[in-house]
Amino acid sequence: MNGSEDTKLAQALAAFDALNAQDPNTIQVEGQAQPKELHDALAMTRWVDALYPQAGEAVRLAARCQHLCRWQSPRSNYPEGRAGYLRWRTELKKFHAEKAAEVLRTVGYDESVIEAVRAINLKQGLKSNPDVQMVEDALCLVFLETQFEGYLDQWEKEKVIGILRKTWGKMSVAGHQAALQLSMSERARSLIEAALADD
């Protein structure tokens, strides 16, 4: 990357972070409250950097904006049940992609980069597009690292195992290896072992 490209990347990441810093939902990190989406976006970048240091600019951008301003389109705006959930998830991906595109245009990216980021945001070509797979690995790892344990008391064991199997199926071999190295409780690890037992 040349100097102007580096500057655009830095400006875009800063703009994404500024938006996600407005998230009214917070999580506790080492005793400090942090905006949830900002925390998760930074974690996405950390995982992409760790697993895929060779990742291109579109991947680095998409990792940081994958859930941009998610709180502005809450699940509660949609009907209860699986149909409502699936509609929310589908429209949410489009919402993130459009928000990200607005930022990228403001910074001065051309449409080829914006379309590449959009494809990743929309998860187009998972398992065939390496860029989409890199970001999907990061998403799954952030879920396992920061959210999974919080659901153990909310969900039945079989539901947890089913979700783990779906999560595992979305990940690459590199993602699997990183997931097995995560620090987690014995309960969480035993559920992962149960989910993988039939593989």
C-alpha atoms as a PDB file:
ATOM      1  CA  MET A   1       0.000   0.000   0.000  1.00  0.00           C
ATOM      2  CA  ASN A   2       1.202   3.485  -0.741  1.00  0.00           C
ATOM      3  CA  GLY A   3       0.909   6.460   1.588  1.00  0.00           C
ATOM      4  CA  SER A   4      -2.448   7.686   0.302  1.00  0.00           C
ATOM      5  CA  GLU A   5      -3.945   4.188   0.594  1.00  0.00           C
ATOM      6  CA  ASP A   6      -2.628   3.876   4.142  1.00  0.00           C
ATOM      7  CA  THR A   7      -4.247   7.223   4.972  1.00  0.00           C
ATOM      8  CA  LYS A   8      -7.603   6.168   3.514  1.00  0.00           C
ATOM      9  CA  LEU A   9      -7.517   2.909   5.451  1.00  0.00           C
ATOM     10  CA  ALA A  10      -6.731   4.722   8.702  1.00  0.00           C
ATOM     11  CA  GLN A  11      -9.485   7.274   8.045  1.00  0.00           C
ATOM     12  CA  ALA A  12     -12.050   4.581   7.294  1.00  0.00           C
ATOM     13  CA  LEU A  13     -11.176   2.538  10.391  1.00  0.00           C
ATOM     14  CA  ALA A  14     -11.345   5.669  12.550  1.00  0.00           C
ATOM     15  CA  ALA A  15     -14.751   6.536  11.073  1.00  0.00           C
ATOM     16  CA  PHE A  16     -16.061   3.022  11.724  1.00  0.00           C
ATOM     17  CA  ASP A  17     -14.762   3.186  15.293  1.00  0.00           C
ATOM     18  CA  ALA A  18     -16.346   6.584  15.888  1.00  0.00           C
ATOM     19  CA  LEU A  19     -19.731   5.230  14.801  1.00  0.00           C
ATOM     20  CA  ASN A  20     -19.447   2.043  16.840  1.00  0.00           C
ATOM     21  CA  ALA A  21     -18.336   4.056  19.887  1.00  0.00           C
ATOM     22  CA  GLN A  22     -21.903   5.427  19.958  1.00  0.00           C
ATOM     23  CA  ASP A  23     -23.326   1.998  20.808  1.00  0.00           C
ATOM     24  CA  PRO A  24     -25.458   2.425  23.965  1.00  0.00           C
ATOM     25  CA  ASN A  25     -24.941  -1.261  24.774  1.00  0.00           C
ATOM     26  CA  THR A  26     -21.801  -1.893  26.786  1.00  0.00           C
ATOM     27  CA  ILE A  27     -19.778  -4.858  27.975  1.00  0.00           C
ATOM     28  CA  GLN A  28     -17.351  -5.065  30.865  1.00  0.00           C
ATOM     29  CA  VAL A  29     -13.713  -5.526  29.924  1.00  0.00           C
ATOM     30  CA  GLU A  30     -11.267  -5.682  32.824  1.00  0.00           C
ATOM     31  CA  GLY A  31     -13.703  -3.726  34.959  1.00  0.00           C
ATOM     32  CA  GLN A  32     -14.303  -1.017  32.369  1.00  0.00           C
ATOM     33  CA  ALA A  33     -17.482  -0.512  30.344  1.00  0.00           C
ATOM     34  CA  GLN A  34     -16.887  -0.445  26.584  1.00  0.00           C
ATOM     35  CA  PRO A  35     -19.369   0.078  23.727  1.00  0.00           C
ATOM     36  CA  LYS A  36     -20.152  -3.462  22.608  1.00  0.00           C
ATOM     37  CA  GLU A  37     -19.872  -2.979  18.854  1.00  0.00           C
ATOM     38  CA  LEU A  38     -16.610  -1.052  19.167  1.00  0.00           C
ATOM     39  CA  HIS A  39     -15.165  -3.808  21.328  1.00  0.00           C
ATOM     40  CA  ASP A  40     -16.294  -6.521  18.909  1.00  0.00           C
ATOM     41  CA  ALA A  41     -15.020  -4.647  15.836  1.00  0.00           C
ATOM     42  CA  LEU A  42     -11.576  -4.259  17.398  1.00  0.00           C
ATOM     43  CA  ALA A  43     -11.644  -7.948  18.293  1.00  0.00           C
ATOM     44  CA  MET A  44     -12.461  -8.753  14.658  1.00  0.00           C
ATOM     45  CA  THR A  45      -9.376  -6.839  13.538  1.00  0.00           C
ATOM     46  CA  ARG A  46      -7.273  -8.602  16.164  1.00  0.00           C
ATOM     47  CA  TRP A  47      -8.332 -12.023  14.888  1.00  0.00           C
ATOM     48  CA  VAL A  48      -7.822 -11.158  11.227  1.00  0.00           C
ATOM     49  CA  ASP A  49      -4.349  -9.806  12.039  1.00  0.00           C
ATOM     50  CA  ALA A  50      -3.502 -12.933  14.041  1.00  0.00           C
ATOM     51  CA  LEU A  51      -4.760 -15.527  11.555  1.00  0.00           C
ATOM     52  CA  TYR A  52      -4.340 -13.737   8.253  1.00  0.00           C
ATOM     53  CA  PRO A  53      -1.529 -11.161   8.380  1.00  0.00           C
ATOM     54  CA  GLN A  54      -1.480 -11.227   4.568  1.00  0.00           C
ATOM     55  CA  ALA A  55      -5.158 -10.137   4.348  1.00  0.00           C
ATOM     56  CA  GLY A  56      -5.916  -7.435   1.818  1.00  0.00           C
ATOM     57  CA  GLU A  57      -7.442  -4.027   2.364  1.00  0.00           C
ATOM     58  CA  ALA A  58     -11.037  -5.106   1.709  1.00  0.00           C
ATOM     59  CA  VAL A  59     -10.776  -7.775   4.412  1.00  0.00           C
ATOM     60  CA  ARG A  60      -9.320  -5.314   6.921  1.00  0.00           C
ATOM     61  CA  LEU A  61     -12.082  -2.837   6.188  1.00  0.00           C
ATOM     62  CA  ALA A  62     -14.866  -5.419   6.271  1.00  0.00           C
ATOM     63  CA  ALA A  63     -13.672  -6.919   9.546  1.00  0.00           C
ATOM     64  CA  ARG A  64     -13.958  -3.537  11.242  1.00  0.00           C
ATOM     65  CA  CYS A  65     -17.442  -2.714   9.892  1.00  0.00           C
ATOM     66  CA  GLN A  66     -19.107  -6.129   9.798  1.00  0.00           C
ATOM     67  CA  HIS A  67     -21.665  -5.115  12.459  1.00  0.00           C
ATOM     68  CA  LEU A  68     -21.497  -1.355  11.979  1.00  0.00           C
ATOM     69  CA  CYS A  69     -24.187   0.442  14.044  1.00  0.00           C
ATOM     70  CA  ARG A  70     -25.992  -2.856  14.725  1.00  0.00           C
ATOM     71  CA  TRP A  71     -27.971  -1.377  17.628  1.00  0.00           C
ATOM     72  CA  GLN A  72     -29.830   0.877  15.170  1.00  0.00           C
ATOM     73  CA  SER A  73     -31.639  -2.184  13.767  1.00  0.00           C
ATOM     74  CA  PRO A  74     -32.582  -4.278  16.816  1.00  0.00           C
ATOM     75  CA  ARG A  75     -34.099  -7.737  16.739  1.00  0.00           C
ATOM     76  CA  SER A  76     -37.135  -6.326  18.577  1.00  0.00           C
ATOM     77  CA  ASN A  77     -38.141  -4.422  15.426  1.00  0.00           C
ATOM     78  CA  TYR A  78     -39.056  -7.734  13.785  1.00  0.00           C
ATOM     79  CA  PRO A  79     -41.701 -10.386  14.547  1.00  0.00           C
ATOM     80  CA  GLU A  80     -40.987 -13.172  17.004  1.00  0.00           C
ATOM     81  CA  GLY A  81     -40.104 -16.607  15.684  1.00  0.00           C
ATOM     82  CA  ARG A  82     -37.680 -18.022  13.157  1.00  0.00           C
ATOM     83  CA  ALA A  83     -39.159 -16.233  10.136  1.00  0.00           C
ATOM     84  CA  GLY A  84     -38.796 -12.877  11.876  1.00  0.00           C
ATOM     85  CA  TYR A  85     -35.269 -13.759  12.943  1.00  0.00           C
ATOM     86  CA  LEU A  86     -34.203 -14.731   9.435  1.00  0.00           C
ATOM     87  CA  ARG A  87     -35.697 -11.570   7.969  1.00  0.00           C
ATOM     88  CA  TRP A  88     -33.844  -9.496  10.571  1.00  0.00           C
ATOM     89  CA  ARG A  89     -30.537 -11.192   9.807  1.00  0.00           C
ATOM     90  CA  THR A  90     -30.961 -10.763   6.041  1.00  0.00           C
ATOM     91  CA  GLU A  91     -31.880  -7.091   6.285  1.00  0.00           C
ATOM     92  CA  LEU A  92     -29.204  -6.496   8.906  1.00  0.00           C
ATOM     93  CA  LYS A  93     -26.436  -7.570   6.524  1.00  0.00           C
ATOM     94  CA  LYS A  94     -27.747  -5.113   3.929  1.00  0.00           C
ATOM     95  CA  PHE A  95     -27.934  -2.377   6.578  1.00  0.00           C
ATOM     96  CA  HIS A  96     -24.297  -2.921   7.573  1.00  0.00           C
ATOM     97  CA  ALA A  97     -23.189  -3.011   3.944  1.00  0.00           C
ATOM     98  CA  GLU A  98     -24.918   0.278   3.135  1.00  0.00           C
ATOM     99  CA  LYS A  99     -23.588   2.023   6.248  1.00  0.00           C
ATOM    100  CA  ALA A 100     -20.069   0.879   5.435  1.00  0.00           C
ATOM    101  CA  ALA A 101     -20.385   1.980   1.808  1.00  0.00           C
ATOM    102  CA  GLU A 102     -21.400   5.488   2.933  1.00  0.00           C
ATOM    103  CA  VAL A 103     -18.269   5.759   5.065  1.00  0.00           C
ATOM    104  CA  LEU A 104     -15.990   4.396   2.353  1.00  0.00           C
ATOM    105  CA  ARG A 105     -17.329   6.825  -0.241  1.00  0.00           C
ATOM    106  CA  THR A 106     -16.831   9.727   2.154  1.00  0.00           C
ATOM    107  CA  VAL A 107     -13.201   8.695   2.683  1.00  0.00           C
ATOM    108  CA  GLY A 108     -12.650   8.459  -1.073  1.00  0.00           C
ATOM    109  CA  TYR A 109     -12.560   4.750  -1.873  1.00  0.00           C
ATOM    110  CA  ASP A 110     -13.484   3.751  -5.413  1.00  0.00           C
ATOM    111  CA  GLU A 111     -16.424   1.510  -6.163  1.00  0.00           C
ATOM    112  CA  SER A 112     -14.297  -1.612  -6.713  1.00  0.00           C
ATOM    113  CA  VAL A 113     -13.151  -1.563  -3.080  1.00  0.00           C
ATOM    114  CA  ILE A 114     -16.633  -0.693  -1.843  1.00  0.00           C
ATOM    115  CA  GLU A 115     -18.106  -3.625  -3.774  1.00  0.00           C
ATOM    116  CA  ALA A 116     -15.451  -5.977  -2.389  1.00  0.00           C
ATOM    117  CA  VAL A 117     -16.290  -4.885   1.170  1.00  0.00           C
ATOM    118  CA  ARG A 118     -20.009  -5.184   0.415  1.00  0.00           C
ATOM    119  CA  ALA A 119     -19.557  -8.777  -0.797  1.00  0.00           C
ATOM    120  CA  ILE A 120     -17.860  -9.633   2.488  1.00  0.00           C
ATOM    121  CA  ASN A 121     -20.514  -7.825   4.544  1.00  0.00           C
ATOM    122  CA  LEU A 122     -23.193  -9.791   2.693  1.00  0.00           C
ATOM    123  CA  LYS A 123     -21.213 -13.040   3.074  1.00  0.00           C
ATOM    124  CA  GLN A 124     -21.339 -13.687  -0.656  1.00  0.00           C
ATOM    125  CA  GLY A 125     -19.344 -16.778  -1.556  1.00  0.00           C
ATOM    126  CA  LEU A 126     -18.649 -18.162   1.895  1.00  0.00           C
ATOM    127  CA  LYS A 127     -16.447 -21.240   1.392  1.00  0.00           C
ATOM    128  CA  SER A 128     -15.488 -20.048  -2.112  1.00  0.00           C
ATOM    129  CA  ASN A 129     -14.330 -16.448  -1.531  1.00  0.00           C
ATOM    130  CA  PRO A 130     -11.215 -16.479   0.710  1.00  0.00           C
ATOM    131  CA  ASP A 131     -11.870 -12.885   1.832  1.00  0.00           C
ATOM    132  CA  VAL A 132     -15.352 -13.785   3.080  1.00  0.00           C
ATOM    133  CA  GLN A 133     -13.936 -16.848   4.854  1.00  0.00           C
ATOM    134  CA  MET A 134     -11.300 -14.798   6.681  1.00  0.00           C
ATOM    135  CA  VAL A 135     -13.921 -12.451   8.112  1.00  0.00           C
ATOM    136  CA  GLU A 136     -16.276 -15.339   8.909  1.00  0.00           C
ATOM    137  CA  ASP A 137     -13.509 -17.022  10.913  1.00  0.00           C
ATOM    138  CA  ALA A 138     -13.038 -13.803  12.879  1.00  0.00           C
ATOM    139  CA  LEU A 139     -16.792 -13.495  13.495  1.00  0.00           C
ATOM    140  CA  CYS A 140     -17.022 -17.047  14.812  1.00  0.00           C
ATOM    141  CA  LEU A 141     -13.978 -16.591  17.030  1.00  0.00           C
ATOM    142  CA  VAL A 142     -15.320 -13.361  18.531  1.00  0.00           C
ATOM    143  CA  PHE A 143     -18.581 -15.196  19.273  1.00  0.00           C
ATOM    144  CA  LEU A 144     -16.794 -18.119  20.913  1.00  0.00           C
ATOM    145  CA  GLU A 145     -14.389 -15.891  22.798  1.00  0.00           C
ATOM    146  CA  THR A 146     -16.763 -13.223  24.133  1.00  0.00           C
ATOM    147  CA  GLN A 147     -20.397 -14.368  23.867  1.00  0.00           C
ATOM    148  CA  PHE A 148     -20.658 -18.149  23.936  1.00  0.00           C
ATOM    149  CA  GLU A 149     -20.242 -18.640  27.696  1.00  0.00           C
ATOM    150  CA  GLY A 150     -22.929 -16.060  28.395  1.00  0.00           C
ATOM    151  CA  TYR A 151     -25.526 -18.220  26.665  1.00  0.00           C
ATOM    152  CA  LEU A 152     -24.834 -21.455  28.524  1.00  0.00           C
ATOM    153  CA  ASP A 153     -27.399 -20.733  31.234  1.00  0.00           C
ATOM    154  CA  GLN A 154     -29.960 -19.451  28.734  1.00  0.00           C
ATOM    155  CA  TRP A 155     -30.036 -22.313  26.226  1.00  0.00           C
ATOM    156  CA  GLU A 156     -30.711 -26.026  26.539  1.00  0.00           C
ATOM    157  CA  LYS A 157     -27.694 -28.265  26.044  1.00  0.00           C
ATOM    158  CA  GLU A 158     -28.919 -29.615  22.685  1.00  0.00           C
ATOM    159  CA  LYS A 159     -29.489 -26.091  21.362  1.00  0.00           C
ATOM    160  CA  VAL A 160     -25.957 -25.089  22.392  1.00  0.00           C
ATOM    161  CA  ILE A 161     -24.504 -28.153  20.671  1.00  0.00           C
ATOM    162  CA  GLY A 162     -26.495 -27.394  17.515  1.00  0.00           C
ATOM    163  CA  ILE A 163     -25.257 -23.800  17.440  1.00  0.00           C
ATOM    164  CA  LEU A 164     -21.685 -24.943  17.978  1.00  0.00           C
ATOM    165  CA  ARG A 165     -21.949 -27.386  15.065  1.00  0.00           C
ATOM    166  CA  LYS A 166     -23.298 -24.636  12.791  1.00  0.00           C
ATOM    167  CA  THR A 167     -20.540 -22.276  13.934  1.00  0.00           C
ATOM    168  CA  TRP A 168     -17.897 -24.932  13.342  1.00  0.00           C
ATOM    169  CA  GLY A 169     -19.263 -25.581   9.868  1.00  0.00           C
ATOM    170  CA  LYS A 170     -18.753 -21.941   8.899  1.00  0.00           C
ATOM    171  CA  MET A 171     -15.088 -21.915   9.867  1.00  0.00           C
ATOM    172  CA  SER A 172     -11.908 -22.890   8.059  1.00  0.00           C
ATOM    173  CA  VAL A 173      -9.236 -25.225   9.392  1.00  0.00           C
ATOM    174  CA  ALA A 174      -7.291 -22.181  10.632  1.00  0.00           C
ATOM    175  CA  GLY A 175     -10.400 -20.987  12.462  1.00  0.00           C
ATOM    176  CA  HIS A 176     -10.902 -24.415  14.030  1.00  0.00           C
ATOM    177  CA  GLN A 177      -7.325 -24.502  15.289  1.00  0.00           C
ATOM    178  CA  ALA A 178      -7.640 -21.035  16.826  1.00  0.00           C
ATOM    179  CA  ALA A 179     -10.974 -21.921  18.457  1.00  0.00           C
ATOM    180  CA  LEU A 180      -9.499 -24.969  20.159  1.00  0.00           C
ATOM    181  CA  GLN A 181      -6.803 -22.760  21.704  1.00  0.00           C
ATOM    182  CA  LEU A 182      -9.296 -20.350  23.310  1.00  0.00           C
ATOM    183  CA  SER A 183      -9.404 -20.057  27.074  1.00  0.00           C
ATOM    184  CA  MET A 184     -12.805 -21.244  28.315  1.00  0.00           C
ATOM    185  CA  SER A 185     -14.531 -22.989  31.190  1.00  0.00           C
ATOM    186  CA  GLU A 186     -14.584 -26.771  31.478  1.00  0.00           C
ATOM    187  CA  ARG A 187     -18.334 -26.669  30.843  1.00  0.00           C
ATOM    188  CA  ALA A 188     -17.900 -24.756  27.592  1.00  0.00           C
ATOM    189  CA  ARG A 189     -15.073 -26.993  26.433  1.00  0.00           C
ATOM    190  CA  SER A 190     -17.079 -30.141  27.157  1.00  0.00           C
ATOM    191  CA  LEU A 191     -19.926 -28.806  25.008  1.00  0.00           C
ATOM    192  CA  ILE A 192     -17.541 -28.135  22.137  1.00  0.00           C
ATOM    193  CA  GLU A 193     -16.174 -31.663  22.477  1.00  0.00           C
ATOM    194  CA  ALA A 194     -19.752 -33.006  22.413  1.00  0.00           C
ATOM    195  CA  ALA A 195     -20.560 -30.930  19.333  1.00  0.00           C
ATOM    196  CA  LEU A 196     -17.510 -32.295  17.507  1.00  0.00           C
ATOM    197  CA  ALA A 197     -17.860 -35.867  18.701  1.00  0.00           C
ATOM    198  CA  ASP A 198     -19.853 -36.980  15.646  1.00  0.00           C
ATOM    199  CA  ASP A 199     -17.602 -35.199  13.125  1.00  0.00           C
END
